[in-house]
Amino acid sequence: MTDEALRRVLRVYEQRMAEEALLAESLTPSERTARRDEFLLSIGEEVANLLRDLAVGLGAQTIVELGTAYGYSTLFLADAARRTGGKVFTYEHVPDKQAYARKQLTEAGLAGVVEWRLGDALELLRDQPGPIDLVLIDLWKDLYVPCFERVYPLLAPNGVIVADNMFIPESGRAAAAAYRAAVRAKPDMEAVLLPIGQGIDISCRVTTR
């Protein structure tokens, strides 16, 4: 894998996002909602870079991504796994989205550090190996709490969970609040809510007080 290969794939994503932004402006709100699954809807470069830095800083060996979508965040997590000698387990329930992501990660030379899991995340997580060093939760909002409860017992000491979409979309704010409450109910979890991207919650399983 070369850094140029990664940059080339990143440009593909950036071009797609620019084209989709123009398309979205031409659609009515109801049309955008109806076609939501066609859009990349990435976490954004700021959050993606933060995820990569967190993974590298943790020396993460096991990274879990709940919600591959079209693979934008997977690209950054896989780059981190390449640097740490780790692996990304990424979960998606839409075959076409996973296929697109696999193609891009292959083009970037990063497919070898990714294990692709297709289907119901809650069911597939029953077989997830631990300990998990870093988790990204970015799927349907009603799954945030049950997915958290699945990964929490597998979280490594000082393991980190990043949950996206805490502020945007507004329709998901109640579910996001329920997620934050569930995290903060665990006595060994410390968390902070950050106003970057669409709003992210970062929590850590602390080992000492």
N, C-alpha and C. Protein backbone atom coordinates (compact mmCIF):
# COMPACT_ATOMS: atom_id res chain seq x y z
N MET A 1 0.84 -1.19 0.00
CA MET A 1 0.00 0.00 0.00
C MET A 1 0.88 1.24 0.00
N THR A 2 0.53 2.18 -0.84
CA THR A 2 1.24 3.45 -0.85
C THR A 2 0.32 4.55 -0.35
N ASP A 3 0.91 5.58 0.22
CA ASP A 3 0.12 6.71 0.66
C ASP A 3 -0.61 7.35 -0.52
N GLU A 4 -0.01 7.30 -1.69
CA GLU A 4 -0.66 7.86 -2.89
C GLU A 4 -1.94 7.10 -3.21
N ALA A 5 -1.93 5.78 -3.01
CA ALA A 5 -3.14 5.00 -3.25
C ALA A 5 -4.25 5.43 -2.32
N LEU A 6 -3.92 5.67 -1.06
CA LEU A 6 -4.91 6.14 -0.10
C LEU A 6 -5.44 7.51 -0.50
N ARG A 7 -4.54 8.41 -0.88
CA ARG A 7 -4.96 9.75 -1.28
C ARG A 7 -5.84 9.71 -2.52
N ARG A 8 -5.53 8.80 -3.43
CA ARG A 8 -6.33 8.68 -4.65
C ARG A 8 -7.76 8.25 -4.31
N VAL A 9 -7.91 7.30 -3.41
CA VAL A 9 -9.25 6.85 -3.00
C VAL A 9 -9.96 7.95 -2.22
N LEU A 10 -9.23 8.66 -1.39
CA LEU A 10 -9.83 9.76 -0.65
C LEU A 10 -10.38 10.81 -1.61
N ARG A 11 -9.68 11.07 -2.71
CA ARG A 11 -10.19 12.02 -3.70
C ARG A 11 -11.47 11.53 -4.35
N VAL A 12 -11.59 10.22 -4.54
CA VAL A 12 -12.83 9.64 -5.08
C VAL A 12 -13.98 9.95 -4.13
N TYR A 13 -13.76 9.75 -2.85
CA TYR A 13 -14.80 10.06 -1.87
C TYR A 13 -15.13 11.54 -1.87
N GLU A 14 -14.12 12.38 -1.91
CA GLU A 14 -14.35 13.82 -1.87
C GLU A 14 -15.13 14.29 -3.09
N GLN A 15 -14.81 13.74 -4.24
CA GLN A 15 -15.55 14.10 -5.44
C GLN A 15 -17.01 13.65 -5.33
N ARG A 16 -17.21 12.46 -4.81
CA ARG A 16 -18.58 11.97 -4.65
C ARG A 16 -19.36 12.86 -3.69
N MET A 17 -18.74 13.26 -2.59
CA MET A 17 -19.42 14.12 -1.63
C MET A 17 -19.78 15.47 -2.25
N ALA A 18 -18.88 16.02 -3.06
CA ALA A 18 -19.16 17.31 -3.71
C ALA A 18 -20.32 17.18 -4.68
N GLU A 19 -20.34 16.11 -5.45
CA GLU A 19 -21.43 15.90 -6.40
C GLU A 19 -22.76 15.68 -5.68
N GLU A 20 -22.72 14.96 -4.58
CA GLU A 20 -23.94 14.70 -3.84
C GLU A 20 -24.46 15.96 -3.15
N ALA A 21 -23.55 16.83 -2.74
CA ALA A 21 -23.98 18.09 -2.13
C ALA A 21 -24.75 18.94 -3.14
N LEU A 22 -24.29 18.97 -4.39
CA LEU A 22 -25.00 19.70 -5.44
C LEU A 22 -26.35 19.06 -5.73
N LEU A 23 -26.37 17.74 -5.78
CA LEU A 23 -27.62 17.04 -6.03
C LEU A 23 -28.62 17.31 -4.91
N ALA A 24 -28.16 17.27 -3.68
CA ALA A 24 -29.06 17.48 -2.53
C ALA A 24 -29.72 18.84 -2.58
N GLU A 25 -28.98 19.85 -3.08
CA GLU A 25 -29.55 21.19 -3.17
C GLU A 25 -30.70 21.26 -4.15
N SER A 26 -30.72 20.34 -5.12
CA SER A 26 -31.77 20.35 -6.14
C SER A 26 -33.00 19.55 -5.72
N LEU A 27 -32.92 18.87 -4.60
CA LEU A 27 -34.02 18.01 -4.15
C LEU A 27 -34.83 18.67 -3.06
N THR A 28 -36.09 18.31 -2.97
CA THR A 28 -36.92 18.77 -1.87
C THR A 28 -36.56 17.97 -0.62
N PRO A 29 -36.91 18.46 0.57
CA PRO A 29 -36.62 17.69 1.78
C PRO A 29 -37.17 16.27 1.74
N SER A 30 -38.37 16.10 1.22
CA SER A 30 -38.95 14.75 1.16
C SER A 30 -38.18 13.87 0.18
N GLU A 31 -37.71 14.47 -0.93
CA GLU A 31 -36.91 13.69 -1.88
C GLU A 31 -35.57 13.29 -1.29
N ARG A 32 -34.96 14.20 -0.53
CA ARG A 32 -33.69 13.86 0.12
C ARG A 32 -33.87 12.74 1.11
N THR A 33 -34.97 12.77 1.85
CA THR A 33 -35.25 11.70 2.82
C THR A 33 -35.45 10.36 2.11
N ALA A 34 -36.20 10.40 1.00
CA ALA A 34 -36.50 9.17 0.27
C ALA A 34 -35.24 8.56 -0.34
N ARG A 35 -34.27 9.41 -0.69
CA ARG A 35 -33.06 8.93 -1.36
C ARG A 35 -31.86 8.90 -0.41
N ARG A 36 -32.12 8.98 0.87
CA ARG A 36 -31.05 9.10 1.86
C ARG A 36 -30.00 8.01 1.73
N ASP A 37 -30.41 6.79 1.47
CA ASP A 37 -29.46 5.67 1.40
C ASP A 37 -28.52 5.76 0.21
N GLU A 38 -28.84 6.62 -0.77
CA GLU A 38 -27.97 6.76 -1.92
C GLU A 38 -26.77 7.65 -1.63
N PHE A 39 -26.87 8.46 -0.56
CA PHE A 39 -25.83 9.44 -0.28
C PHE A 39 -24.76 8.88 0.66
N LEU A 40 -23.56 9.39 0.47
CA LEU A 40 -22.43 8.94 1.27
C LEU A 40 -22.63 9.23 2.75
N LEU A 41 -23.06 10.46 3.07
CA LEU A 41 -23.35 10.85 4.46
C LEU A 41 -22.18 10.49 5.39
N SER A 42 -21.02 10.99 5.05
CA SER A 42 -19.82 10.62 5.81
C SER A 42 -19.75 11.35 7.14
N ILE A 43 -18.87 10.87 8.00
CA ILE A 43 -18.66 11.53 9.29
C ILE A 43 -17.87 12.83 9.14
N GLY A 44 -17.27 13.02 7.97
CA GLY A 44 -16.50 14.23 7.72
C GLY A 44 -15.03 14.04 8.05
N GLU A 45 -14.20 14.84 7.37
CA GLU A 45 -12.76 14.67 7.49
C GLU A 45 -12.25 14.96 8.90
N GLU A 46 -12.83 15.95 9.58
CA GLU A 46 -12.36 16.29 10.92
C GLU A 46 -12.51 15.13 11.88
N VAL A 47 -13.69 14.53 11.88
CA VAL A 47 -13.94 13.39 12.78
C VAL A 47 -13.15 12.17 12.32
N ALA A 48 -13.05 11.97 11.01
CA ALA A 48 -12.30 10.83 10.48
C ALA A 48 -10.83 10.88 10.90
N ASN A 49 -10.25 12.06 10.81
CA ASN A 49 -8.86 12.21 11.24
C ASN A 49 -8.71 11.99 12.74
N LEU A 50 -9.68 12.45 13.50
CA LEU A 50 -9.65 12.22 14.95
C LEU A 50 -9.70 10.73 15.25
N LEU A 51 -10.56 10.00 14.56
CA LEU A 51 -10.65 8.55 14.75
C LEU A 51 -9.32 7.87 14.45
N ARG A 52 -8.71 8.26 13.34
CA ARG A 52 -7.42 7.66 12.98
C ARG A 52 -6.37 7.96 14.05
N ASP A 53 -6.35 9.20 14.53
CA ASP A 53 -5.37 9.57 15.54
C ASP A 53 -5.62 8.82 16.85
N LEU A 54 -6.88 8.67 17.22
CA LEU A 54 -7.21 7.91 18.43
C LEU A 54 -6.73 6.47 18.31
N ALA A 55 -7.02 5.85 17.17
CA ALA A 55 -6.65 4.45 16.97
C ALA A 55 -5.14 4.28 17.03
N VAL A 56 -4.42 5.18 16.37
CA VAL A 56 -2.96 5.10 16.37
C VAL A 56 -2.42 5.36 17.77
N GLY A 57 -2.97 6.37 18.45
CA GLY A 57 -2.52 6.70 19.80
C GLY A 57 -2.74 5.57 20.78
N LEU A 58 -3.85 4.85 20.60
CA LEU A 58 -4.15 3.70 21.46
C LEU A 58 -3.33 2.47 21.09
N GLY A 59 -2.70 2.51 19.92
CA GLY A 59 -2.05 1.30 19.43
C GLY A 59 -3.07 0.21 19.19
N ALA A 60 -4.24 0.60 18.71
CA ALA A 60 -5.40 -0.29 18.64
C ALA A 60 -5.12 -1.54 17.80
N GLN A 61 -5.38 -2.70 18.39
CA GLN A 61 -5.25 -3.97 17.69
C GLN A 61 -6.60 -4.45 17.15
N THR A 62 -7.67 -4.15 17.87
CA THR A 62 -9.00 -4.54 17.44
C THR A 62 -9.87 -3.30 17.39
N ILE A 63 -10.32 -2.96 16.19
CA ILE A 63 -11.17 -1.80 15.95
C ILE A 63 -12.50 -2.30 15.41
N VAL A 64 -13.60 -1.81 15.95
CA VAL A 64 -14.93 -2.21 15.50
C VAL A 64 -15.65 -0.98 14.96
N GLU A 65 -16.17 -1.12 13.75
CA GLU A 65 -16.97 -0.06 13.13
C GLU A 65 -18.38 -0.58 12.91
N LEU A 66 -19.33 0.03 13.56
CA LEU A 66 -20.73 -0.37 13.43
C LEU A 66 -21.42 0.61 12.48
N GLY A 67 -21.51 0.20 11.21
CA GLY A 67 -22.05 1.05 10.17
C GLY A 67 -20.98 1.40 9.15
N THR A 68 -20.65 0.44 8.27
CA THR A 68 -19.66 0.70 7.23
C THR A 68 -20.13 1.78 6.27
N ALA A 69 -21.42 1.71 5.90
CA ALA A 69 -21.98 2.54 4.83
C ALA A 69 -21.11 2.37 3.59
N TYR A 70 -20.66 3.48 2.99
CA TYR A 70 -19.87 3.38 1.77
C TYR A 70 -18.37 3.37 2.02
N GLY A 71 -17.97 3.30 3.30
CA GLY A 71 -16.58 3.02 3.62
C GLY A 71 -15.67 4.21 3.85
N TYR A 72 -16.24 5.42 3.96
CA TYR A 72 -15.38 6.59 4.16
C TYR A 72 -14.61 6.49 5.47
N SER A 73 -15.32 6.28 6.58
CA SER A 73 -14.63 6.17 7.87
C SER A 73 -13.80 4.90 7.94
N THR A 74 -14.23 3.86 7.23
CA THR A 74 -13.47 2.61 7.20
C THR A 74 -12.07 2.85 6.64
N LEU A 75 -11.97 3.74 5.66
CA LEU A 75 -10.68 4.06 5.05
C LEU A 75 -9.70 4.59 6.10
N PHE A 76 -10.16 5.49 6.95
CA PHE A 76 -9.30 6.09 7.96
C PHE A 76 -8.97 5.08 9.07
N LEU A 77 -9.96 4.28 9.46
CA LEU A 77 -9.72 3.27 10.49
C LEU A 77 -8.75 2.20 9.99
N ALA A 78 -8.90 1.81 8.73
CA ALA A 78 -8.00 0.81 8.16
C ALA A 78 -6.58 1.35 8.03
N ASP A 79 -6.45 2.62 7.71
CA ASP A 79 -5.12 3.23 7.65
C ASP A 79 -4.47 3.17 9.03
N ALA A 80 -5.27 3.44 10.07
CA ALA A 80 -4.74 3.34 11.44
C ALA A 80 -4.34 1.91 11.76
N ALA A 81 -5.18 0.94 11.39
CA ALA A 81 -4.88 -0.47 11.67
C ALA A 81 -3.61 -0.91 10.96
N ARG A 82 -3.40 -0.42 9.75
CA ARG A 82 -2.15 -0.71 9.03
C ARG A 82 -0.95 -0.23 9.83
N ARG A 83 -1.09 0.93 10.44
CA ARG A 83 0.03 1.51 11.19
C ARG A 83 0.28 0.78 12.51
N THR A 84 -0.79 0.27 13.14
CA THR A 84 -0.65 -0.36 14.45
C THR A 84 -0.49 -1.87 14.37
N GLY A 85 -0.68 -2.44 13.17
CA GLY A 85 -0.66 -3.90 13.04
C GLY A 85 -1.94 -4.53 13.52
N GLY A 86 -3.03 -3.74 13.53
CA GLY A 86 -4.32 -4.23 14.02
C GLY A 86 -5.26 -4.64 12.91
N LYS A 87 -6.54 -4.77 13.27
CA LYS A 87 -7.57 -5.19 12.32
C LYS A 87 -8.85 -4.41 12.60
N VAL A 88 -9.56 -4.11 11.52
CA VAL A 88 -10.87 -3.45 11.61
C VAL A 88 -11.95 -4.48 11.32
N PHE A 89 -12.91 -4.61 12.23
CA PHE A 89 -14.11 -5.41 12.00
C PHE A 89 -15.22 -4.42 11.69
N THR A 90 -15.72 -4.43 10.46
CA THR A 90 -16.71 -3.43 10.08
C THR A 90 -18.03 -4.10 9.70
N TYR A 91 -19.13 -3.55 10.20
CA TYR A 91 -20.45 -4.16 10.11
C TYR A 91 -21.37 -3.31 9.24
N GLU A 92 -22.06 -3.97 8.31
CA GLU A 92 -23.01 -3.29 7.43
C GLU A 92 -24.12 -4.27 7.05
N HIS A 93 -25.33 -3.75 6.88
CA HIS A 93 -26.43 -4.66 6.54
C HIS A 93 -26.91 -4.49 5.10
N VAL A 94 -26.37 -3.53 4.35
CA VAL A 94 -26.76 -3.32 2.95
C VAL A 94 -25.65 -3.83 2.04
N PRO A 95 -25.89 -4.89 1.26
CA PRO A 95 -24.83 -5.49 0.44
C PRO A 95 -24.16 -4.51 -0.52
N ASP A 96 -24.95 -3.65 -1.18
CA ASP A 96 -24.37 -2.73 -2.16
C ASP A 96 -23.41 -1.74 -1.51
N LYS A 97 -23.74 -1.29 -0.31
CA LYS A 97 -22.86 -0.37 0.39
C LYS A 97 -21.54 -1.06 0.75
N GLN A 98 -21.65 -2.27 1.26
CA GLN A 98 -20.43 -2.99 1.62
C GLN A 98 -19.57 -3.26 0.38
N ALA A 99 -20.21 -3.60 -0.72
CA ALA A 99 -19.47 -3.89 -1.95
C ALA A 99 -18.70 -2.65 -2.42
N TYR A 100 -19.33 -1.48 -2.33
CA TYR A 100 -18.67 -0.23 -2.72
C TYR A 100 -17.47 0.01 -1.80
N ALA A 101 -17.69 -0.16 -0.50
CA ALA A 101 -16.61 0.07 0.46
C ALA A 101 -15.45 -0.88 0.22
N ARG A 102 -15.75 -2.13 -0.04
CA ARG A 102 -14.69 -3.12 -0.28
C ARG A 102 -13.87 -2.74 -1.50
N LYS A 103 -14.53 -2.27 -2.55
CA LYS A 103 -13.82 -1.87 -3.76
C LYS A 103 -12.85 -0.72 -3.46
N GLN A 104 -13.33 0.28 -2.71
CA GLN A 104 -12.48 1.43 -2.41
C GLN A 104 -11.30 1.04 -1.51
N LEU A 105 -11.55 0.22 -0.52
CA LEU A 105 -10.46 -0.19 0.38
C LEU A 105 -9.45 -1.08 -0.34
N THR A 106 -9.93 -1.87 -1.29
CA THR A 106 -9.01 -2.66 -2.10
C THR A 106 -8.13 -1.74 -2.96
N GLU A 107 -8.75 -0.73 -3.56
CA GLU A 107 -7.99 0.24 -4.36
C GLU A 107 -6.93 0.95 -3.52
N ALA A 108 -7.26 1.19 -2.24
CA ALA A 108 -6.32 1.86 -1.34
C ALA A 108 -5.26 0.92 -0.79
N GLY A 109 -5.39 -0.38 -1.07
CA GLY A 109 -4.44 -1.35 -0.56
C GLY A 109 -4.63 -1.68 0.90
N LEU A 110 -5.84 -1.46 1.40
CA LEU A 110 -6.09 -1.63 2.84
C LEU A 110 -7.06 -2.77 3.16
N ALA A 111 -7.55 -3.47 2.15
CA ALA A 111 -8.54 -4.52 2.40
C ALA A 111 -8.01 -5.63 3.30
N GLY A 112 -6.70 -5.81 3.30
CA GLY A 112 -6.11 -6.89 4.09
C GLY A 112 -6.20 -6.71 5.59
N VAL A 113 -6.47 -5.50 6.05
CA VAL A 113 -6.58 -5.26 7.50
C VAL A 113 -8.03 -5.13 7.93
N VAL A 114 -8.95 -5.47 7.02
CA VAL A 114 -10.39 -5.32 7.31
C VAL A 114 -11.08 -6.67 7.24
N GLU A 115 -11.91 -6.95 8.25
CA GLU A 115 -12.81 -8.09 8.20
C GLU A 115 -14.22 -7.56 7.99
N TRP A 116 -14.83 -7.96 6.88
CA TRP A 116 -16.12 -7.43 6.48
C TRP A 116 -17.24 -8.32 7.01
N ARG A 117 -18.17 -7.71 7.72
CA ARG A 117 -19.29 -8.48 8.27
C ARG A 117 -20.60 -7.88 7.75
N LEU A 118 -21.42 -8.73 7.14
CA LEU A 118 -22.65 -8.30 6.49
C LEU A 118 -23.85 -8.94 7.17
N GLY A 119 -24.79 -8.10 7.62
CA GLY A 119 -25.99 -8.61 8.24
C GLY A 119 -26.39 -7.79 9.46
N ASP A 120 -27.17 -8.39 10.33
CA ASP A 120 -27.66 -7.74 11.54
C ASP A 120 -26.51 -7.57 12.53
N ALA A 121 -26.15 -6.33 12.82
CA ALA A 121 -25.01 -6.08 13.69
C ALA A 121 -25.20 -6.71 15.07
N LEU A 122 -26.40 -6.61 15.61
CA LEU A 122 -26.62 -7.16 16.95
C LEU A 122 -26.37 -8.66 17.00
N GLU A 123 -26.79 -9.35 15.96
CA GLU A 123 -26.57 -10.79 15.91
C GLU A 123 -25.10 -11.11 15.65
N LEU A 124 -24.51 -10.41 14.70
CA LEU A 124 -23.10 -10.68 14.34
C LEU A 124 -22.14 -10.35 15.47
N LEU A 125 -22.50 -9.37 16.30
CA LEU A 125 -21.63 -8.98 17.41
C LEU A 125 -21.47 -10.08 18.44
N ARG A 126 -22.36 -11.06 18.43
CA ARG A 126 -22.24 -12.17 19.38
C ARG A 126 -20.94 -12.93 19.17
N ASP A 127 -20.40 -12.86 17.95
CA ASP A 127 -19.16 -13.57 17.62
C ASP A 127 -17.96 -12.65 17.53
N GLN A 128 -18.11 -11.41 17.98
CA GLN A 128 -17.02 -10.45 17.88
C GLN A 128 -15.93 -10.78 18.91
N PRO A 129 -14.68 -10.97 18.44
CA PRO A 129 -13.60 -11.21 19.41
C PRO A 129 -13.19 -9.92 20.10
N GLY A 130 -12.72 -10.07 21.31
CA GLY A 130 -12.21 -8.96 22.07
C GLY A 130 -10.79 -9.26 22.53
N PRO A 131 -10.19 -8.40 23.32
CA PRO A 131 -10.73 -7.12 23.74
C PRO A 131 -10.72 -6.10 22.60
N ILE A 132 -11.68 -5.17 22.64
CA ILE A 132 -11.81 -4.15 21.60
C ILE A 132 -11.17 -2.86 22.11
N ASP A 133 -10.31 -2.29 21.29
CA ASP A 133 -9.62 -1.06 21.68
C ASP A 133 -10.35 0.20 21.27
N LEU A 134 -11.04 0.16 20.13
CA LEU A 134 -11.75 1.34 19.63
C LEU A 134 -13.00 0.91 18.90
N VAL A 135 -14.11 1.61 19.18
CA VAL A 135 -15.38 1.34 18.53
C VAL A 135 -15.91 2.63 17.93
N LEU A 136 -16.40 2.56 16.70
CA LEU A 136 -17.17 3.64 16.11
C LEU A 136 -18.60 3.16 15.96
N ILE A 137 -19.53 3.89 16.56
CA ILE A 137 -20.96 3.57 16.41
C ILE A 137 -21.58 4.63 15.50
N ASP A 138 -22.04 4.19 14.33
CA ASP A 138 -22.59 5.12 13.34
C ASP A 138 -23.56 4.36 12.45
N LEU A 139 -24.66 3.92 13.04
CA LEU A 139 -25.67 3.18 12.30
C LEU A 139 -27.04 3.72 12.68
N TRP A 140 -28.11 2.95 12.49
CA TRP A 140 -29.43 3.44 12.84
C TRP A 140 -29.48 3.78 14.32
N LYS A 141 -30.08 4.91 14.63
CA LYS A 141 -29.97 5.46 15.99
C LYS A 141 -30.65 4.58 17.04
N ASP A 142 -31.69 3.84 16.66
CA ASP A 142 -32.35 2.98 17.64
C ASP A 142 -31.48 1.77 18.02
N LEU A 143 -30.37 1.60 17.31
CA LEU A 143 -29.46 0.49 17.62
C LEU A 143 -28.28 0.92 18.48
N TYR A 144 -28.16 2.21 18.75
CA TYR A 144 -27.00 2.69 19.50
C TYR A 144 -26.92 2.04 20.89
N VAL A 145 -28.01 2.05 21.63
CA VAL A 145 -27.97 1.50 22.99
C VAL A 145 -27.75 -0.01 22.97
N PRO A 146 -28.54 -0.77 22.21
CA PRO A 146 -28.28 -2.23 22.21
C PRO A 146 -26.89 -2.60 21.70
N CYS A 147 -26.38 -1.87 20.72
CA CYS A 147 -25.02 -2.15 20.25
C CYS A 147 -24.00 -1.81 21.32
N PHE A 148 -24.21 -0.72 22.02
CA PHE A 148 -23.30 -0.38 23.12
C PHE A 148 -23.28 -1.50 24.16
N GLU A 149 -24.46 -2.01 24.51
CA GLU A 149 -24.52 -3.07 25.51
C GLU A 149 -23.82 -4.34 25.02
N ARG A 150 -23.77 -4.56 23.71
CA ARG A 150 -23.06 -5.72 23.16
C ARG A 150 -21.55 -5.54 23.25
N VAL A 151 -21.06 -4.33 22.89
CA VAL A 151 -19.60 -4.15 22.83
C VAL A 151 -18.99 -3.81 24.18
N TYR A 152 -19.78 -3.27 25.09
CA TYR A 152 -19.24 -2.85 26.39
C TYR A 152 -18.49 -3.95 27.13
N PRO A 153 -19.03 -5.18 27.23
CA PRO A 153 -18.29 -6.23 27.95
C PRO A 153 -16.98 -6.62 27.26
N LEU A 154 -16.85 -6.32 25.97
CA LEU A 154 -15.65 -6.67 25.22
C LEU A 154 -14.62 -5.56 25.19
N LEU A 155 -14.97 -4.41 25.75
CA LEU A 155 -14.10 -3.25 25.66
C LEU A 155 -12.85 -3.44 26.51
N ALA A 156 -11.70 -3.17 25.92
CA ALA A 156 -10.43 -3.31 26.63
C ALA A 156 -10.31 -2.24 27.71
N PRO A 157 -9.48 -2.46 28.72
CA PRO A 157 -9.16 -1.37 29.66
C PRO A 157 -8.62 -0.18 28.87
N ASN A 158 -9.16 0.98 29.14
CA ASN A 158 -8.83 2.21 28.40
C ASN A 158 -9.33 2.18 26.96
N GLY A 159 -10.19 1.23 26.64
CA GLY A 159 -10.82 1.20 25.32
C GLY A 159 -11.76 2.38 25.14
N VAL A 160 -11.91 2.81 23.90
CA VAL A 160 -12.64 4.03 23.58
C VAL A 160 -13.80 3.71 22.63
N ILE A 161 -14.94 4.38 22.88
CA ILE A 161 -16.08 4.32 21.97
C ILE A 161 -16.38 5.72 21.48
N VAL A 162 -16.52 5.85 20.16
CA VAL A 162 -16.92 7.12 19.55
C VAL A 162 -18.28 6.91 18.90
N ALA A 163 -19.25 7.71 19.29
CA ALA A 163 -20.59 7.62 18.71
C ALA A 163 -20.88 8.90 17.94
N ASP A 164 -21.30 8.75 16.69
CA ASP A 164 -21.55 9.89 15.81
C ASP A 164 -23.02 10.31 15.88
N ASN A 165 -23.30 11.48 15.28
CA ASN A 165 -24.66 11.99 15.12
C ASN A 165 -25.36 12.31 16.43
N MET A 166 -24.64 12.91 17.35
CA MET A 166 -25.25 13.28 18.61
C MET A 166 -26.17 14.51 18.48
N PHE A 167 -25.88 15.38 17.51
CA PHE A 167 -26.68 16.59 17.31
C PHE A 167 -27.48 16.57 16.02
N ILE A 168 -26.90 16.02 14.99
CA ILE A 168 -27.52 16.00 13.67
C ILE A 168 -27.63 14.55 13.22
N PRO A 169 -28.81 14.13 12.71
CA PRO A 169 -30.02 14.90 12.48
C PRO A 169 -30.82 15.12 13.76
N GLU A 170 -31.65 16.14 13.75
CA GLU A 170 -32.47 16.44 14.92
C GLU A 170 -33.37 15.28 15.28
N SER A 171 -33.83 14.53 14.26
CA SER A 171 -34.75 13.42 14.51
C SER A 171 -34.10 12.33 15.36
N GLY A 172 -32.77 12.31 15.43
CA GLY A 172 -32.08 11.28 16.20
C GLY A 172 -31.64 11.71 17.57
N ARG A 173 -31.99 12.94 17.97
CA ARG A 173 -31.46 13.46 19.23
C ARG A 173 -31.96 12.71 20.46
N ALA A 174 -33.20 12.25 20.44
CA ALA A 174 -33.73 11.51 21.59
C ALA A 174 -32.97 10.19 21.76
N ALA A 175 -32.74 9.50 20.65
CA ALA A 175 -31.99 8.24 20.71
C ALA A 175 -30.54 8.51 21.13
N ALA A 176 -29.98 9.62 20.66
CA ALA A 176 -28.61 9.98 21.04
C ALA A 176 -28.52 10.26 22.53
N ALA A 177 -29.51 10.94 23.07
CA ALA A 177 -29.54 11.22 24.51
C ALA A 177 -29.66 9.93 25.31
N ALA A 178 -30.47 8.99 24.82
CA ALA A 178 -30.61 7.70 25.50
C ALA A 178 -29.29 6.95 25.50
N TYR A 179 -28.57 7.04 24.39
CA TYR A 179 -27.26 6.40 24.31
C TYR A 179 -26.30 6.99 25.33
N ARG A 180 -26.23 8.31 25.39
CA ARG A 180 -25.30 8.95 26.32
C ARG A 180 -25.64 8.59 27.76
N ALA A 181 -26.93 8.48 28.06
CA ALA A 181 -27.34 8.10 29.41
C ALA A 181 -26.90 6.67 29.74
N ALA A 182 -27.01 5.78 28.75
CA ALA A 182 -26.61 4.39 28.96
C ALA A 182 -25.11 4.28 29.22
N VAL A 183 -24.33 5.05 28.47
CA VAL A 183 -22.88 5.04 28.65
C VAL A 183 -22.51 5.55 30.03
N ARG A 184 -23.11 6.66 30.41
CA ARG A 184 -22.75 7.30 31.67
C ARG A 184 -23.29 6.56 32.88
N ALA A 185 -24.17 5.59 32.66
CA ALA A 185 -24.68 4.76 33.76
C ALA A 185 -23.67 3.69 34.17
N LYS A 186 -22.69 3.42 33.32
CA LYS A 186 -21.66 2.44 33.66
C LYS A 186 -20.63 3.10 34.58
N PRO A 187 -20.34 2.51 35.72
CA PRO A 187 -19.45 3.16 36.69
C PRO A 187 -18.01 3.30 36.21
N ASP A 188 -17.60 2.49 35.23
CA ASP A 188 -16.21 2.57 34.77
C ASP A 188 -16.06 3.28 33.43
N MET A 189 -17.11 3.99 33.00
CA MET A 189 -17.05 4.73 31.75
C MET A 189 -17.04 6.23 32.02
N GLU A 190 -16.10 6.92 31.38
CA GLU A 190 -16.08 8.38 31.41
C GLU A 190 -16.28 8.88 29.99
N ALA A 191 -17.02 9.98 29.84
CA ALA A 191 -17.40 10.40 28.50
C ALA A 191 -17.42 11.91 28.38
N VAL A 192 -17.26 12.36 27.13
CA VAL A 192 -17.34 13.78 26.83
C VAL A 192 -18.08 13.94 25.50
N LEU A 193 -18.93 14.94 25.43
CA LEU A 193 -19.70 15.26 24.22
C LEU A 193 -19.01 16.43 23.52
N LEU A 194 -18.66 16.23 22.25
CA LEU A 194 -17.92 17.25 21.52
C LEU A 194 -18.71 17.78 20.32
N PRO A 195 -18.74 19.11 20.13
CA PRO A 195 -19.49 19.71 19.02
C PRO A 195 -18.67 19.78 17.73
N ILE A 196 -18.18 18.65 17.26
CA ILE A 196 -17.50 18.62 15.98
C ILE A 196 -18.24 17.66 15.06
N GLY A 197 -18.15 17.92 13.75
CA GLY A 197 -18.91 17.12 12.81
C GLY A 197 -20.39 17.24 13.10
N GLN A 198 -21.07 16.11 13.15
CA GLN A 198 -22.49 16.08 13.50
C GLN A 198 -22.71 15.90 15.00
N GLY A 199 -21.61 16.09 15.75
CA GLY A 199 -21.66 15.88 17.20
C GLY A 199 -21.21 14.47 17.52
N ILE A 200 -20.15 14.34 18.32
CA ILE A 200 -19.68 13.01 18.68
C ILE A 200 -19.58 12.88 20.20
N ASP A 201 -19.82 11.69 20.68
CA ASP A 201 -19.63 11.37 22.09
C ASP A 201 -18.45 10.41 22.18
N ILE A 202 -17.45 10.78 22.97
CA ILE A 202 -16.28 9.93 23.16
C ILE A 202 -16.27 9.42 24.60
N SER A 203 -16.25 8.11 24.75
CA SER A 203 -16.23 7.52 26.08
C SER A 203 -15.06 6.56 26.20
N CYS A 204 -14.59 6.38 27.44
CA CYS A 204 -13.42 5.55 27.69
C CYS A 204 -13.68 4.68 28.90
N ARG A 205 -13.26 3.44 28.81
CA ARG A 205 -13.37 2.52 29.95
C ARG A 205 -12.15 2.71 30.84
N VAL A 206 -12.33 3.39 31.94
CA VAL A 206 -11.20 3.73 32.80
C VAL A 206 -10.84 2.54 33.69
N THR A 207 -9.56 2.42 34.00
CA THR A 207 -9.10 1.29 34.82
C THR A 207 -8.75 1.70 36.23
N THR A 208 -8.50 2.99 36.45
CA THR A 208 -8.19 3.48 37.78
C THR A 208 -8.95 4.76 38.03
N ARG A 209 -9.13 5.08 39.27
CA ARG A 209 -9.80 6.33 39.68
C ARG A 209 -8.84 7.20 40.42
